[in-house]
Amino acid sequence: MRFLWAPAVAGILFTSTAFAADVITPAHDGVYTATAERNPALSAEGCAPIPLGAVTIIQGNLRSAPSPTLAWITGIITEDGHVKGFMARPGGLRRPLEGRLTGDTISAGFIEPDVMCAWQVELKRAP
C-alpha cells in the first residue's frame, strides 16, 4: 500500500515545481493598446480581425474590460516575459492565449480550431 501514495506525492511535487517557475511580476504593469489580426498561415479566408479594447496589467495580471462588442483577455505575465491566459471573441468561447514580451510589445497567439481561425494579438504599451 505504500506504493499507492508515492506517485501522488511525486505528482504534487512536480506540480509545485512547475508553478514555482511561473512567478508573475508587476514589472510590466501598465495600459496596453491591443489589436488582433488574422494569421493568414493558420486561418481560413473568412476570418476577420477582432476588435479589442485596452488591456491593463496590474501586479502581473492582464485584464481587459468586459464588453458585448469587444474581445476580452485575461491572464498573467511572468518575470521572464512569458504571457499566458485566455481570450474570447464577443459571444465566443474562451480559448488559450500564449505569447511573449519583447520591449514594450506583447505578441501572442489565439486559435479557434472549430472555425479554422487563428489570430496574432499585439499589445503595445500606451504612451
Protein backbone atom coordinates (compact mmCIF):
# COMPACT_ATOMS: atom_id res chain seq x y z
CA MET A 1 0.00 0.00 0.00
CA ARG A 2 2.88 2.41 0.47
CA PHE A 3 3.45 2.46 -3.27
CA LEU A 4 -0.01 3.93 -3.86
CA TRP A 5 0.76 7.25 -2.24
CA ALA A 6 4.24 7.70 -3.70
CA PRO A 7 3.05 8.60 -7.25
CA ALA A 8 0.53 11.03 -5.80
CA VAL A 9 3.24 12.76 -3.77
CA ALA A 10 5.53 12.86 -6.81
CA GLY A 11 2.72 14.47 -8.85
CA ILE A 12 2.25 17.13 -6.21
CA LEU A 13 5.99 17.85 -6.15
CA PHE A 14 6.20 18.14 -9.93
CA THR A 15 3.14 20.39 -9.99
CA SER A 16 4.61 22.62 -7.30
CA THR A 17 7.87 22.88 -9.23
CA ALA A 18 6.02 23.90 -12.41
CA PHE A 19 4.15 26.66 -10.61
CA ALA A 20 7.34 27.95 -8.99
CA ALA A 21 8.72 28.80 -12.46
CA ASP A 22 5.63 30.91 -13.26
CA VAL A 23 6.36 33.86 -10.98
CA ILE A 24 4.26 36.83 -12.03
CA THR A 25 5.68 40.32 -11.73
CA PRO A 26 4.44 43.92 -11.64
CA ALA A 27 7.48 45.00 -13.72
CA HIS A 28 5.36 45.21 -16.88
CA ASP A 29 2.30 46.86 -15.33
CA GLY A 30 0.55 49.48 -17.41
CA VAL A 31 -2.12 50.03 -20.05
CA TYR A 32 -1.66 48.40 -23.45
CA THR A 33 -3.47 49.01 -26.71
CA ALA A 34 -4.44 45.81 -28.47
CA THR A 35 -5.01 44.53 -31.97
CA ALA A 36 -5.87 41.03 -33.20
CA GLU A 37 -5.18 40.40 -36.88
CA ARG A 38 -5.89 37.22 -38.81
CA ASN A 39 -2.87 34.92 -39.08
CA PRO A 40 -3.02 34.01 -42.79
CA ALA A 41 -0.78 30.95 -42.44
CA LEU A 42 -3.16 29.28 -39.96
CA SER A 43 -6.58 30.68 -40.92
CA ALA A 44 -9.34 30.20 -43.43
CA GLU A 45 -10.10 33.18 -45.70
CA GLY A 46 -13.26 34.27 -43.85
CA CYS A 47 -11.55 35.06 -40.53
CA ALA A 48 -11.88 38.77 -39.78
CA PRO A 49 -9.77 40.92 -37.42
CA ILE A 50 -11.09 41.01 -33.87
CA PRO A 51 -11.90 44.31 -32.14
CA LEU A 52 -10.12 44.66 -28.79
CA GLY A 53 -10.15 47.32 -26.13
CA ALA A 54 -7.32 48.41 -23.87
CA VAL A 55 -5.67 45.75 -21.74
CA THR A 56 -4.46 46.67 -18.27
CA ILE A 57 -1.70 44.80 -16.45
CA ILE A 58 -1.79 45.21 -12.67
CA GLN A 59 0.57 43.20 -10.45
CA GLY A 60 1.34 40.97 -13.44
CA ASN A 61 -2.32 40.18 -14.16
CA LEU A 62 -3.72 41.01 -17.62
CA ARG A 63 -7.35 42.12 -17.85
CA SER A 64 -9.48 43.85 -20.42
CA ALA A 65 -12.81 45.44 -19.61
CA PRO A 66 -15.83 43.23 -20.30
CA SER A 67 -17.80 44.34 -23.34
CA PRO A 68 -20.51 42.83 -25.55
CA THR A 69 -18.78 44.24 -28.67
CA LEU A 70 -15.07 43.72 -27.92
CA ALA A 71 -12.99 40.62 -27.31
CA TRP A 72 -11.63 40.16 -23.81
CA ILE A 73 -8.29 38.94 -22.46
CA THR A 74 -7.31 37.64 -19.05
CA GLY A 75 -4.00 36.14 -17.95
CA ILE A 76 -0.60 36.67 -16.37
CA ILE A 77 2.88 37.80 -17.36
CA THR A 78 5.87 36.13 -15.72
CA GLU A 79 9.23 37.58 -14.72
CA ASP A 80 10.79 36.34 -17.97
CA GLY A 81 8.06 37.95 -20.13
CA HIS A 82 6.01 34.82 -20.87
CA VAL A 83 2.30 35.60 -21.22
CA LYS A 84 -0.40 33.01 -20.80
CA GLY A 85 -4.09 33.29 -20.32
CA PHE A 86 -7.34 33.25 -22.24
CA MET A 87 -9.10 35.28 -24.89
CA ALA A 88 -12.60 35.22 -26.33
CA ARG A 89 -14.29 36.99 -29.21
CA PRO A 90 -17.60 38.72 -28.42
CA GLY A 91 -20.04 35.86 -27.90
CA GLY A 92 -17.27 33.28 -28.47
CA LEU A 93 -15.74 30.58 -26.32
CA ARG A 94 -12.78 31.20 -24.05
CA ARG A 95 -9.57 29.96 -25.75
CA PRO A 96 -5.94 29.69 -24.58
CA LEU A 97 -3.66 32.63 -25.34
CA GLU A 98 0.13 32.42 -25.14
CA GLY A 99 2.81 34.89 -26.02
CA ARG A 100 5.97 36.75 -25.20
CA LEU A 101 7.01 40.26 -24.23
CA THR A 102 9.66 41.93 -26.40
CA GLY A 103 10.48 45.52 -25.49
CA ASP A 104 7.13 47.24 -24.89
CA THR A 105 5.12 44.85 -27.08
CA ILE A 106 3.46 41.57 -26.17
CA SER A 107 2.95 39.25 -29.15
CA ALA A 108 0.58 36.37 -28.56
CA GLY A 109 -1.43 33.80 -30.45
CA PHE A 110 -5.07 32.77 -30.21
CA ILE A 111 -6.63 29.87 -32.17
CA GLU A 112 -10.23 28.79 -32.72
CA PRO A 113 -9.84 25.39 -34.39
CA ASP A 114 -13.58 24.79 -34.73
CA VAL A 115 -13.90 27.76 -37.11
CA MET A 116 -10.37 27.34 -38.58
CA CYS A 117 -9.22 30.79 -37.49
CA ALA A 118 -6.03 31.99 -35.81
CA TRP A 119 -5.05 35.50 -34.77
CA GLN A 120 -1.86 37.33 -33.95
CA VAL A 121 -2.51 39.57 -30.96
CA GLU A 122 -0.26 42.59 -30.40
CA LEU A 123 -0.37 44.53 -27.14
CA LYS A 124 1.66 47.76 -27.16
CA ARG A 125 2.31 49.76 -24.03
CA ALA A 126 0.33 53.01 -24.22
CA PRO A 127 2.47 56.17 -24.02
